[in-house]
Amino acid sequence: MSTEHYERLRVERPDLFVNQSGGIEILSDPEAVTEAGGVLYSDRYLTLLRDPVRFPDGSTGSYIRSVSATPAPGCAVLPLLDGGVVLIEHFRHATRSWHWEVPRGFGTPGLSAEENAAKELEEEIGAQVLEVVPLGTLHPDSGTTADRVSLFAARIAGTGALEDGEAIRTCVTVPFEEAEAMVGDGRITDGFTIAVLMRARLAGLTA
């Protein structure tokens, strides 16, 4: 990749290059960018950067991170149905495993976070959304990615066809307490799902 892509990203998304006092400073010198690597890889889902940096002790080096392809935040949505919560069984390529999760997806340019949440529910579980409840944001891995994800609960009228093209094989509705038990005994290990369940409990949506 080229340093031109890195500089274009700096102009288009300045929030990704903010320097704060006492933190790790991103350097802007073109030679430093070239030496560090700049944009290492980019596709329609993510961009991989190696930034030239100065650490708080004055030493210089590089730091790798990923950023989403769009500034629109992704979402994770806890569907609420018949007094319980809806979980999907989703195969994840990265872990080569099946996971119990809530629906989630990348950000969609042109849609609000709430509209994006409703879109994901319709696509993944064929749900008709009655109400979307914001539950804040989440940084899924502040050590390696700049991304933030909007968390929601959503009251739905029911479920329909599953998006089997993304390897979703099962959709179940369980009591909230059972979902928490699945976290406790290790059946749920997905961080987004654990976070949105906790946020829903703190918001009083467990009844």
N, C-alpha and C. Protein backbone atom coordinates (compact mmCIF):
# COMPACT_ATOMS: atom_id res chain seq x y z
N MET A 1 0.85 -1.19 0.00
CA MET A 1 0.00 0.00 0.00
C MET A 1 0.89 1.25 0.00
N SER A 2 0.29 2.41 -0.23
CA SER A 2 1.06 3.64 -0.37
C SER A 2 0.87 4.56 0.82
N THR A 3 1.87 5.45 0.99
CA THR A 3 1.72 6.47 2.03
C THR A 3 0.62 7.45 1.67
N GLU A 4 0.30 7.58 0.36
CA GLU A 4 -0.78 8.47 -0.07
C GLU A 4 -2.12 8.04 0.55
N HIS A 5 -2.35 6.75 0.60
CA HIS A 5 -3.58 6.22 1.22
C HIS A 5 -3.63 6.60 2.70
N TYR A 6 -2.50 6.51 3.36
CA TYR A 6 -2.42 6.86 4.78
C TYR A 6 -2.73 8.35 4.98
N GLU A 7 -2.15 9.20 4.14
CA GLU A 7 -2.38 10.64 4.27
C GLU A 7 -3.81 11.00 3.92
N ARG A 8 -4.40 10.30 2.97
CA ARG A 8 -5.80 10.53 2.63
C ARG A 8 -6.71 10.16 3.81
N LEU A 9 -6.38 9.06 4.46
CA LEU A 9 -7.15 8.65 5.63
C LEU A 9 -7.02 9.67 6.76
N ARG A 10 -5.83 10.25 6.91
CA ARG A 10 -5.61 11.27 7.93
C ARG A 10 -6.51 12.49 7.70
N VAL A 11 -6.69 12.84 6.43
CA VAL A 11 -7.53 13.99 6.08
C VAL A 11 -9.02 13.65 6.24
N GLU A 12 -9.41 12.47 5.77
CA GLU A 12 -10.82 12.09 5.76
C GLU A 12 -11.35 11.71 7.14
N ARG A 13 -10.48 11.17 7.98
CA ARG A 13 -10.92 10.70 9.31
C ARG A 13 -9.95 11.18 10.39
N PRO A 14 -9.93 12.49 10.64
CA PRO A 14 -8.96 13.05 11.59
C PRO A 14 -9.12 12.51 13.01
N ASP A 15 -10.30 12.01 13.36
CA ASP A 15 -10.51 11.46 14.70
C ASP A 15 -9.60 10.27 14.96
N LEU A 16 -9.14 9.61 13.91
CA LEU A 16 -8.26 8.45 14.07
C LEU A 16 -6.82 8.84 14.38
N PHE A 17 -6.52 10.14 14.29
CA PHE A 17 -5.13 10.60 14.43
C PHE A 17 -4.97 11.67 15.49
N VAL A 18 -5.91 11.72 16.42
CA VAL A 18 -5.85 12.70 17.50
C VAL A 18 -4.70 12.35 18.44
N ASN A 19 -3.90 13.35 18.80
CA ASN A 19 -2.84 13.18 19.80
C ASN A 19 -3.26 13.87 21.09
N GLN A 20 -3.14 13.15 22.20
CA GLN A 20 -3.51 13.70 23.50
C GLN A 20 -2.29 13.74 24.40
N SER A 21 -2.26 14.75 25.26
CA SER A 21 -1.13 14.96 26.16
C SER A 21 -0.88 13.72 27.01
N GLY A 22 0.38 13.29 27.04
CA GLY A 22 0.75 12.14 27.85
C GLY A 22 0.51 10.80 27.21
N GLY A 23 -0.08 10.81 26.01
CA GLY A 23 -0.38 9.55 25.34
C GLY A 23 0.71 9.16 24.35
N ILE A 24 0.37 8.21 23.48
CA ILE A 24 1.27 7.77 22.43
C ILE A 24 1.01 8.65 21.21
N GLU A 25 2.02 9.42 20.79
CA GLU A 25 1.86 10.41 19.73
C GLU A 25 2.05 9.77 18.36
N ILE A 26 1.12 10.02 17.46
CA ILE A 26 1.28 9.59 16.08
C ILE A 26 2.09 10.66 15.34
N LEU A 27 3.15 10.24 14.68
CA LEU A 27 4.01 11.16 13.95
C LEU A 27 3.48 11.34 12.52
N SER A 28 3.69 12.53 11.97
CA SER A 28 3.15 12.82 10.65
C SER A 28 4.21 12.94 9.56
N ASP A 29 5.47 12.86 9.93
CA ASP A 29 6.54 13.00 8.95
C ASP A 29 6.43 11.90 7.89
N PRO A 30 6.40 12.25 6.60
CA PRO A 30 6.24 11.24 5.55
C PRO A 30 7.29 10.14 5.59
N GLU A 31 8.54 10.48 5.91
CA GLU A 31 9.56 9.44 5.99
C GLU A 31 9.28 8.46 7.11
N ALA A 32 8.77 8.98 8.24
CA ALA A 32 8.43 8.11 9.36
C ALA A 32 7.27 7.20 8.98
N VAL A 33 6.28 7.74 8.26
CA VAL A 33 5.15 6.94 7.81
C VAL A 33 5.62 5.82 6.88
N THR A 34 6.48 6.16 5.96
CA THR A 34 7.00 5.17 5.02
C THR A 34 7.76 4.07 5.75
N GLU A 35 8.59 4.47 6.71
CA GLU A 35 9.37 3.48 7.46
C GLU A 35 8.48 2.57 8.29
N ALA A 36 7.42 3.14 8.90
CA ALA A 36 6.53 2.34 9.73
C ALA A 36 5.67 1.40 8.89
N GLY A 37 5.23 1.88 7.74
CA GLY A 37 4.39 1.05 6.88
C GLY A 37 3.11 1.74 6.43
N GLY A 38 2.56 2.64 7.27
CA GLY A 38 1.33 3.33 6.89
C GLY A 38 0.17 2.36 6.75
N VAL A 39 -0.50 2.39 5.61
CA VAL A 39 -1.60 1.45 5.33
C VAL A 39 -1.00 0.14 4.82
N LEU A 40 -1.17 -0.92 5.59
CA LEU A 40 -0.63 -2.22 5.21
C LEU A 40 -1.59 -3.02 4.35
N TYR A 41 -2.90 -2.82 4.60
CA TYR A 41 -3.93 -3.61 3.90
C TYR A 41 -5.25 -2.89 4.02
N SER A 42 -6.10 -3.00 3.01
CA SER A 42 -7.42 -2.38 3.07
C SER A 42 -8.39 -3.15 2.18
N ASP A 43 -9.60 -3.38 2.68
CA ASP A 43 -10.67 -3.94 1.86
C ASP A 43 -11.98 -3.28 2.28
N ARG A 44 -13.11 -3.81 1.88
CA ARG A 44 -14.38 -3.14 2.16
C ARG A 44 -14.83 -3.30 3.60
N TYR A 45 -14.09 -4.08 4.39
CA TYR A 45 -14.45 -4.28 5.79
C TYR A 45 -13.52 -3.55 6.75
N LEU A 46 -12.22 -3.60 6.50
CA LEU A 46 -11.27 -3.01 7.44
C LEU A 46 -10.02 -2.52 6.75
N THR A 47 -9.31 -1.67 7.47
CA THR A 47 -8.00 -1.17 7.03
C THR A 47 -7.01 -1.44 8.15
N LEU A 48 -5.85 -1.97 7.79
CA LEU A 48 -4.80 -2.28 8.75
C LEU A 48 -3.69 -1.25 8.63
N LEU A 49 -3.40 -0.57 9.76
CA LEU A 49 -2.40 0.50 9.78
C LEU A 49 -1.21 0.11 10.64
N ARG A 50 -0.03 0.61 10.23
CA ARG A 50 1.12 0.62 11.13
C ARG A 50 1.58 2.07 11.22
N ASP A 51 1.26 2.70 12.37
CA ASP A 51 1.53 4.12 12.57
C ASP A 51 2.94 4.35 13.10
N PRO A 52 3.62 5.42 12.64
CA PRO A 52 4.86 5.84 13.30
C PRO A 52 4.48 6.59 14.58
N VAL A 53 5.11 6.25 15.70
CA VAL A 53 4.69 6.82 16.97
C VAL A 53 5.89 7.23 17.83
N ARG A 54 5.61 8.13 18.77
CA ARG A 54 6.55 8.46 19.83
C ARG A 54 5.89 8.09 21.15
N PHE A 55 6.58 7.27 21.95
CA PHE A 55 6.04 6.81 23.22
C PHE A 55 6.28 7.85 24.32
N PRO A 56 5.56 7.76 25.43
CA PRO A 56 5.70 8.77 26.49
C PRO A 56 7.12 8.93 27.02
N ASP A 57 7.96 7.88 26.90
CA ASP A 57 9.34 8.00 27.39
C ASP A 57 10.27 8.66 26.37
N GLY A 58 9.71 9.09 25.22
CA GLY A 58 10.50 9.76 24.20
C GLY A 58 11.02 8.85 23.09
N SER A 59 10.94 7.55 23.28
CA SER A 59 11.40 6.63 22.24
C SER A 59 10.39 6.60 21.10
N THR A 60 10.87 6.24 19.91
CA THR A 60 10.00 6.16 18.74
C THR A 60 9.92 4.72 18.25
N GLY A 61 8.88 4.45 17.49
CA GLY A 61 8.69 3.11 16.96
C GLY A 61 7.44 3.10 16.11
N SER A 62 6.76 1.97 16.06
CA SER A 62 5.53 1.86 15.30
C SER A 62 4.52 1.06 16.10
N TYR A 63 3.25 1.24 15.74
CA TYR A 63 2.16 0.57 16.45
C TYR A 63 1.12 0.15 15.41
N ILE A 64 0.69 -1.10 15.48
CA ILE A 64 -0.27 -1.60 14.51
C ILE A 64 -1.68 -1.52 15.08
N ARG A 65 -2.65 -1.24 14.21
CA ARG A 65 -4.07 -1.20 14.61
C ARG A 65 -4.93 -1.39 13.38
N SER A 66 -6.16 -1.80 13.62
CA SER A 66 -7.14 -1.90 12.54
C SER A 66 -8.22 -0.86 12.74
N VAL A 67 -8.80 -0.40 11.64
CA VAL A 67 -9.93 0.53 11.69
C VAL A 67 -10.97 0.02 10.70
N SER A 68 -12.23 0.28 10.99
CA SER A 68 -13.28 -0.14 10.08
C SER A 68 -13.22 0.67 8.79
N ALA A 69 -13.78 0.12 7.74
CA ALA A 69 -13.73 0.78 6.45
C ALA A 69 -14.62 2.01 6.39
N THR A 70 -15.54 2.13 7.31
CA THR A 70 -16.44 3.28 7.36
C THR A 70 -16.42 3.88 8.75
N PRO A 71 -16.59 5.20 8.87
CA PRO A 71 -16.66 5.81 10.21
C PRO A 71 -17.95 5.48 10.95
N ALA A 72 -18.95 4.98 10.25
CA ALA A 72 -20.21 4.61 10.91
C ALA A 72 -19.94 3.44 11.86
N PRO A 73 -20.37 3.54 13.13
CA PRO A 73 -20.09 2.46 14.07
C PRO A 73 -20.89 1.21 13.76
N GLY A 74 -20.31 0.07 14.08
CA GLY A 74 -21.05 -1.17 13.99
C GLY A 74 -22.09 -1.24 15.10
N CYS A 75 -22.81 -2.36 15.15
CA CYS A 75 -23.84 -2.50 16.19
C CYS A 75 -23.93 -3.94 16.66
N ALA A 76 -24.38 -4.09 17.91
CA ALA A 76 -24.74 -5.38 18.47
C ALA A 76 -26.10 -5.18 19.13
N VAL A 77 -27.04 -6.10 18.86
CA VAL A 77 -28.43 -5.88 19.24
C VAL A 77 -28.98 -7.08 20.00
N LEU A 78 -29.52 -6.83 21.19
CA LEU A 78 -30.17 -7.87 21.99
C LEU A 78 -31.66 -7.88 21.67
N PRO A 79 -32.16 -8.88 20.94
CA PRO A 79 -33.59 -8.92 20.63
C PRO A 79 -34.40 -9.39 21.84
N LEU A 80 -35.47 -8.68 22.13
CA LEU A 80 -36.36 -9.01 23.24
C LEU A 80 -37.67 -9.52 22.66
N LEU A 81 -38.07 -10.74 23.07
CA LEU A 81 -39.26 -11.38 22.51
C LEU A 81 -39.94 -12.25 23.56
N ASP A 82 -41.23 -12.04 23.77
CA ASP A 82 -42.03 -12.88 24.66
C ASP A 82 -41.42 -13.01 26.05
N GLY A 83 -40.90 -11.93 26.58
CA GLY A 83 -40.32 -11.95 27.91
C GLY A 83 -38.94 -12.55 28.00
N GLY A 84 -38.36 -12.93 26.86
CA GLY A 84 -37.01 -13.49 26.85
C GLY A 84 -36.12 -12.77 25.88
N VAL A 85 -34.96 -13.34 25.63
CA VAL A 85 -34.00 -12.77 24.68
C VAL A 85 -33.72 -13.79 23.59
N VAL A 86 -33.48 -13.29 22.40
CA VAL A 86 -33.20 -14.15 21.25
C VAL A 86 -31.69 -14.26 21.05
N LEU A 87 -31.22 -15.49 20.92
CA LEU A 87 -29.82 -15.76 20.64
C LEU A 87 -29.72 -16.54 19.34
N ILE A 88 -28.64 -16.33 18.61
CA ILE A 88 -28.38 -17.09 17.40
C ILE A 88 -27.13 -17.93 17.59
N GLU A 89 -27.10 -19.06 16.91
CA GLU A 89 -25.91 -19.90 16.89
C GLU A 89 -25.19 -19.64 15.57
N HIS A 90 -24.02 -19.02 15.67
CA HIS A 90 -23.34 -18.45 14.52
C HIS A 90 -21.95 -19.05 14.40
N PHE A 91 -21.60 -19.55 13.23
CA PHE A 91 -20.24 -20.05 13.02
C PHE A 91 -19.32 -18.89 12.68
N ARG A 92 -18.19 -18.81 13.39
CA ARG A 92 -17.22 -17.74 13.18
C ARG A 92 -15.93 -18.31 12.60
N HIS A 93 -15.57 -17.75 11.44
CA HIS A 93 -14.36 -18.24 10.75
C HIS A 93 -13.11 -18.04 11.60
N ALA A 94 -13.01 -16.90 12.29
CA ALA A 94 -11.78 -16.59 13.03
C ALA A 94 -11.47 -17.64 14.09
N THR A 95 -12.48 -18.13 14.79
CA THR A 95 -12.26 -19.11 15.85
C THR A 95 -12.49 -20.54 15.38
N ARG A 96 -13.06 -20.69 14.16
CA ARG A 96 -13.43 -22.00 13.62
C ARG A 96 -14.38 -22.72 14.56
N SER A 97 -15.32 -21.97 15.14
CA SER A 97 -16.22 -22.53 16.14
C SER A 97 -17.62 -21.93 15.99
N TRP A 98 -18.62 -22.65 16.53
CA TRP A 98 -19.97 -22.13 16.67
C TRP A 98 -20.06 -21.34 17.97
N HIS A 99 -20.76 -20.21 17.92
CA HIS A 99 -20.91 -19.34 19.09
C HIS A 99 -22.36 -18.94 19.26
N TRP A 100 -22.82 -18.90 20.53
CA TRP A 100 -24.10 -18.29 20.85
C TRP A 100 -23.88 -16.78 20.97
N GLU A 101 -24.66 -16.02 20.19
CA GLU A 101 -24.44 -14.58 20.10
C GLU A 101 -25.77 -13.85 19.94
N VAL A 102 -25.68 -12.52 20.03
CA VAL A 102 -26.76 -11.67 19.56
C VAL A 102 -26.41 -11.21 18.15
N PRO A 103 -27.40 -10.80 17.35
CA PRO A 103 -27.09 -10.28 16.03
C PRO A 103 -26.21 -9.04 16.11
N ARG A 104 -25.32 -8.91 15.14
CA ARG A 104 -24.46 -7.73 15.08
C ARG A 104 -23.98 -7.53 13.66
N GLY A 105 -23.41 -6.34 13.39
CA GLY A 105 -22.94 -6.09 12.05
C GLY A 105 -22.09 -4.83 11.96
N PHE A 106 -21.53 -4.61 10.80
CA PHE A 106 -20.73 -3.42 10.53
C PHE A 106 -21.63 -2.19 10.42
N GLY A 107 -21.02 -1.02 10.51
CA GLY A 107 -21.75 0.21 10.27
C GLY A 107 -22.15 0.33 8.81
N THR A 108 -23.24 1.03 8.56
CA THR A 108 -23.73 1.24 7.20
C THR A 108 -23.81 2.73 6.93
N PRO A 109 -22.99 3.25 6.01
CA PRO A 109 -23.06 4.67 5.69
C PRO A 109 -24.46 5.08 5.26
N GLY A 110 -24.90 6.23 5.75
CA GLY A 110 -26.21 6.74 5.38
C GLY A 110 -27.32 6.33 6.30
N LEU A 111 -27.07 5.36 7.19
CA LEU A 111 -28.08 4.93 8.15
C LEU A 111 -27.70 5.42 9.54
N SER A 112 -28.70 5.78 10.34
CA SER A 112 -28.44 6.07 11.75
C SER A 112 -28.09 4.76 12.45
N ALA A 113 -27.53 4.88 13.64
CA ALA A 113 -27.17 3.67 14.39
C ALA A 113 -28.41 2.82 14.66
N GLU A 114 -29.54 3.46 14.97
CA GLU A 114 -30.78 2.74 15.24
C GLU A 114 -31.29 2.04 13.98
N GLU A 115 -31.21 2.72 12.84
CA GLU A 115 -31.64 2.11 11.57
C GLU A 115 -30.74 0.94 11.22
N ASN A 116 -29.46 1.07 11.50
CA ASN A 116 -28.53 -0.02 11.22
C ASN A 116 -28.85 -1.24 12.09
N ALA A 117 -29.21 -1.00 13.36
CA ALA A 117 -29.57 -2.09 14.26
C ALA A 117 -30.80 -2.83 13.73
N ALA A 118 -31.81 -2.07 13.31
CA ALA A 118 -33.02 -2.69 12.78
C ALA A 118 -32.73 -3.49 11.52
N LYS A 119 -31.85 -2.95 10.68
CA LYS A 119 -31.46 -3.65 9.45
C LYS A 119 -30.80 -4.99 9.75
N GLU A 120 -29.90 -5.00 10.74
CA GLU A 120 -29.21 -6.25 11.08
C GLU A 120 -30.19 -7.30 11.59
N LEU A 121 -31.17 -6.88 12.39
CA LEU A 121 -32.15 -7.84 12.90
C LEU A 121 -33.00 -8.42 11.77
N GLU A 122 -33.39 -7.57 10.84
CA GLU A 122 -34.18 -8.05 9.71
C GLU A 122 -33.38 -9.02 8.86
N GLU A 123 -32.12 -8.68 8.60
CA GLU A 123 -31.29 -9.53 7.74
C GLU A 123 -30.93 -10.85 8.40
N GLU A 124 -30.57 -10.82 9.68
CA GLU A 124 -30.03 -12.02 10.31
C GLU A 124 -31.10 -12.97 10.83
N ILE A 125 -32.20 -12.42 11.37
CA ILE A 125 -33.23 -13.31 11.95
C ILE A 125 -34.63 -13.00 11.44
N GLY A 126 -34.75 -12.19 10.40
CA GLY A 126 -36.06 -11.90 9.82
C GLY A 126 -37.01 -11.24 10.79
N ALA A 127 -36.50 -10.39 11.68
CA ALA A 127 -37.31 -9.81 12.74
C ALA A 127 -37.98 -8.52 12.32
N GLN A 128 -39.23 -8.35 12.77
CA GLN A 128 -39.92 -7.07 12.63
C GLN A 128 -39.69 -6.29 13.92
N VAL A 129 -39.02 -5.15 13.82
CA VAL A 129 -38.62 -4.38 14.99
C VAL A 129 -39.74 -3.44 15.41
N LEU A 130 -40.09 -3.49 16.70
CA LEU A 130 -41.11 -2.62 17.27
C LEU A 130 -40.51 -1.40 17.94
N GLU A 131 -39.38 -1.59 18.61
CA GLU A 131 -38.73 -0.50 19.34
C GLU A 131 -37.26 -0.81 19.50
N VAL A 132 -36.43 0.21 19.31
CA VAL A 132 -34.99 0.08 19.50
C VAL A 132 -34.59 0.91 20.72
N VAL A 133 -33.85 0.30 21.65
CA VAL A 133 -33.46 0.96 22.89
C VAL A 133 -31.93 1.09 22.92
N PRO A 134 -31.39 2.31 22.85
CA PRO A 134 -29.93 2.49 22.90
C PRO A 134 -29.36 2.09 24.25
N LEU A 135 -28.21 1.40 24.21
CA LEU A 135 -27.54 0.95 25.44
C LEU A 135 -26.08 1.40 25.50
N GLY A 136 -25.75 2.47 24.77
CA GLY A 136 -24.39 2.99 24.85
C GLY A 136 -23.47 2.41 23.80
N THR A 137 -22.17 2.62 23.99
CA THR A 137 -21.18 2.16 23.03
C THR A 137 -20.15 1.25 23.70
N LEU A 138 -19.40 0.57 22.88
CA LEU A 138 -18.39 -0.38 23.33
C LEU A 138 -17.18 -0.29 22.43
N HIS A 139 -15.98 -0.28 23.03
CA HIS A 139 -14.74 -0.47 22.27
C HIS A 139 -14.36 -1.95 22.42
N PRO A 140 -14.52 -2.74 21.36
CA PRO A 140 -14.37 -4.19 21.51
C PRO A 140 -12.97 -4.66 21.87
N ASP A 141 -11.94 -3.94 21.42
CA ASP A 141 -10.56 -4.28 21.78
C ASP A 141 -9.73 -3.02 21.62
N SER A 142 -9.61 -2.25 22.69
CA SER A 142 -8.93 -0.96 22.63
C SER A 142 -7.43 -1.10 22.39
N GLY A 143 -6.90 -2.32 22.48
CA GLY A 143 -5.47 -2.54 22.24
C GLY A 143 -5.13 -2.71 20.78
N THR A 144 -6.10 -3.13 19.95
CA THR A 144 -5.77 -3.44 18.56
C THR A 144 -6.66 -2.77 17.53
N THR A 145 -7.83 -2.26 17.92
CA THR A 145 -8.71 -1.67 16.93
C THR A 145 -9.26 -0.33 17.41
N ALA A 146 -9.44 0.58 16.46
CA ALA A 146 -10.00 1.90 16.78
C ALA A 146 -11.52 1.88 16.79
N ASP A 147 -12.12 0.76 16.44
CA ASP A 147 -13.56 0.71 16.24
C ASP A 147 -14.34 0.87 17.54
N ARG A 148 -15.53 1.42 17.39
CA ARG A 148 -16.51 1.42 18.47
C ARG A 148 -17.80 0.84 17.93
N VAL A 149 -18.56 0.24 18.82
CA VAL A 149 -19.79 -0.45 18.43
C VAL A 149 -20.94 0.09 19.27
N SER A 150 -22.06 0.38 18.62
CA SER A 150 -23.25 0.83 19.33
C SER A 150 -24.02 -0.39 19.83
N LEU A 151 -24.40 -0.37 21.10
CA LEU A 151 -25.16 -1.46 21.70
C LEU A 151 -26.62 -1.07 21.80
N PHE A 152 -27.50 -2.05 21.52
CA PHE A 152 -28.93 -1.82 21.58
C PHE A 152 -29.64 -3.04 22.13
N ALA A 153 -30.83 -2.81 22.70
CA ALA A 153 -31.84 -3.84 22.84
C ALA A 153 -32.94 -3.47 21.86
N ALA A 154 -33.69 -4.46 21.41
CA ALA A 154 -34.78 -4.18 20.47
C ALA A 154 -35.95 -5.10 20.75
N ARG A 155 -37.11 -4.52 20.98
CA ARG A 155 -38.33 -5.32 21.09
C ARG A 155 -38.81 -5.68 19.70
N ILE A 156 -39.03 -6.97 19.49
CA ILE A 156 -39.40 -7.45 18.15
C ILE A 156 -40.73 -8.21 18.22
N ALA A 157 -41.41 -8.29 17.07
CA ALA A 157 -42.70 -8.97 17.00
C ALA A 157 -42.55 -10.47 16.77
N GLY A 158 -41.38 -10.89 16.33
CA GLY A 158 -41.15 -12.30 16.06
C GLY A 158 -39.91 -12.46 15.22
N THR A 159 -39.59 -13.69 14.87
CA THR A 159 -38.44 -13.98 14.03
C THR A 159 -38.91 -14.68 12.76
N GLY A 160 -38.07 -14.65 11.74
CA GLY A 160 -38.41 -15.27 10.46
C GLY A 160 -37.24 -16.07 9.93
N ALA A 161 -36.98 -15.92 8.65
CA ALA A 161 -35.90 -16.68 8.00
C ALA A 161 -34.55 -16.23 8.51
N LEU A 162 -33.65 -17.18 8.76
CA LEU A 162 -32.30 -16.88 9.20
C LEU A 162 -31.39 -16.64 8.01
N GLU A 163 -30.37 -15.84 8.21
CA GLU A 163 -29.41 -15.54 7.15
C GLU A 163 -28.37 -16.67 7.10
N ASP A 164 -28.74 -17.77 6.44
CA ASP A 164 -27.86 -18.94 6.44
C ASP A 164 -26.60 -18.72 5.62
N GLY A 165 -26.58 -17.70 4.76
CA GLY A 165 -25.37 -17.40 4.02
C GLY A 165 -24.24 -16.95 4.91
N GLU A 166 -24.56 -16.52 6.14
CA GLU A 166 -23.53 -16.14 7.11
C GLU A 166 -23.33 -17.23 8.16
N ALA A 167 -23.81 -18.43 7.88
CA ALA A 167 -23.63 -19.58 8.78
C ALA A 167 -24.32 -19.38 10.12
N ILE A 168 -25.57 -18.94 10.07
CA ILE A 168 -26.43 -18.89 11.27
C ILE A 168 -27.35 -20.10 11.17
N ARG A 169 -27.23 -21.04 12.09
CA ARG A 169 -27.99 -22.28 11.94
C ARG A 169 -29.17 -22.40 12.90
N THR A 170 -29.16 -21.62 14.00
CA THR A 170 -30.20 -21.76 15.01
C THR A 170 -30.55 -20.41 15.59
N CYS A 171 -31.81 -20.25 15.96
CA CYS A 171 -32.28 -19.05 16.64
C CYS A 171 -33.20 -19.50 17.76
N VAL A 172 -32.90 -19.13 18.99
CA VAL A 172 -33.70 -19.57 20.14
C VAL A 172 -34.06 -18.37 21.01
N THR A 173 -35.18 -18.48 21.71
CA THR A 173 -35.57 -17.48 22.69
C THR A 173 -35.46 -18.11 24.07
N VAL A 174 -34.69 -17.48 24.95
CA VAL A 174 -34.46 -18.01 26.29
C VAL A 174 -34.75 -16.93 27.31
N PRO A 175 -35.10 -17.31 28.56
CA PRO A 175 -35.25 -16.29 29.61
C PRO A 175 -33.93 -15.55 29.81
N PHE A 176 -34.02 -14.29 30.25
CA PHE A 176 -32.82 -13.50 30.47
C PHE A 176 -31.88 -14.21 31.44
N GLU A 177 -32.44 -14.81 32.48
CA GLU A 177 -31.61 -15.49 33.48
C GLU A 177 -30.85 -16.66 32.86
N GLU A 178 -31.46 -17.34 31.89
CA GLU A 178 -30.78 -18.44 31.21
C GLU A 178 -29.62 -17.92 30.37
N ALA A 179 -29.83 -16.80 29.71
CA ALA A 179 -28.73 -16.20 28.93
C ALA A 179 -27.56 -15.85 29.84
N GLU A 180 -27.86 -15.29 31.02
CA GLU A 180 -26.78 -14.98 31.96
C GLU A 180 -26.11 -16.25 32.46
N ALA A 181 -26.89 -17.32 32.66
CA ALA A 181 -26.29 -18.59 33.07
C ALA A 181 -25.37 -19.13 31.99
N MET A 182 -25.72 -18.90 30.73
CA MET A 182 -24.87 -19.33 29.63
C MET A 182 -23.55 -18.57 29.62
N VAL A 183 -23.58 -17.32 30.06
CA VAL A 183 -22.33 -16.56 30.23
C VAL A 183 -21.52 -17.18 31.36
N GLY A 184 -22.20 -17.47 32.48
CA GLY A 184 -21.50 -17.98 33.66
C GLY A 184 -20.85 -19.33 33.45
N ASP A 185 -21.50 -20.20 32.66
CA ASP A 185 -20.93 -21.55 32.50
C ASP A 185 -20.11 -21.69 31.21
N GLY A 186 -19.93 -20.58 30.48
CA GLY A 186 -19.04 -20.61 29.33
C GLY A 186 -19.69 -20.97 28.01
N ARG A 187 -21.00 -21.16 27.98
CA ARG A 187 -21.65 -21.41 26.69
C ARG A 187 -21.66 -20.16 25.82
N ILE A 188 -21.71 -18.99 26.45
CA ILE A 188 -21.57 -17.73 25.73
C ILE A 188 -20.20 -17.15 26.05
N THR A 189 -19.39 -16.98 25.02
CA THR A 189 -18.06 -16.39 25.20
C THR A 189 -17.87 -15.12 24.36
N ASP A 190 -18.84 -14.81 23.51
CA ASP A 190 -18.74 -13.63 22.65
C ASP A 190 -18.82 -12.35 23.47
N GLY A 191 -17.82 -11.48 23.32
CA GLY A 191 -17.73 -10.28 24.14
C GLY A 191 -18.87 -9.30 23.91
N PHE A 192 -19.33 -9.16 22.66
CA PHE A 192 -20.44 -8.26 22.38
C PHE A 192 -21.70 -8.71 23.10
N THR A 193 -21.94 -10.01 23.09
CA THR A 193 -23.15 -10.55 23.72
C THR A 193 -23.09 -10.37 25.22
N ILE A 194 -21.95 -10.64 25.82
CA ILE A 194 -21.80 -10.45 27.26
C ILE A 194 -22.02 -8.99 27.63
N ALA A 195 -21.47 -8.08 26.83
CA ALA A 195 -21.60 -6.65 27.12
C ALA A 195 -23.04 -6.17 27.01
N VAL A 196 -23.74 -6.59 25.95
CA VAL A 196 -25.11 -6.09 25.77
C VAL A 196 -26.05 -6.69 26.81
N LEU A 197 -25.79 -7.90 27.26
CA LEU A 197 -26.59 -8.47 28.34
C LEU A 197 -26.40 -7.67 29.63
N MET A 198 -25.17 -7.30 29.94
CA MET A 198 -24.91 -6.51 31.14
C MET A 198 -25.57 -5.13 31.03
N ARG A 199 -25.43 -4.49 29.88
CA ARG A 199 -26.03 -3.17 29.70
C ARG A 199 -27.56 -3.25 29.82
N ALA A 200 -28.14 -4.32 29.29
CA ALA A 200 -29.60 -4.47 29.38
C ALA A 200 -30.03 -4.65 30.83
N ARG A 201 -29.25 -5.41 31.60
CA ARG A 201 -29.60 -5.57 33.02
C ARG A 201 -29.47 -4.23 33.74
N LEU A 202 -28.40 -3.48 33.49
CA LEU A 202 -28.23 -2.19 34.15
C LEU A 202 -29.32 -1.20 33.75
N ALA A 203 -29.89 -1.37 32.55
CA ALA A 203 -30.95 -0.48 32.09
C ALA A 203 -32.34 -0.92 32.56
N GLY A 204 -32.40 -2.03 33.29
CA GLY A 204 -33.67 -2.50 33.81
C GLY A 204 -34.55 -3.18 32.79
N LEU A 205 -33.95 -3.78 31.76
CA LEU A 205 -34.73 -4.41 30.71
C LEU A 205 -34.87 -5.92 30.88
N THR A 206 -34.59 -6.42 32.06
CA THR A 206 -34.57 -7.88 32.25
C THR A 206 -35.91 -8.47 32.62
N ALA A 207 -36.88 -7.64 32.92
CA ALA A 207 -38.20 -8.17 33.33
C ALA A 207 -38.97 -8.65 32.12
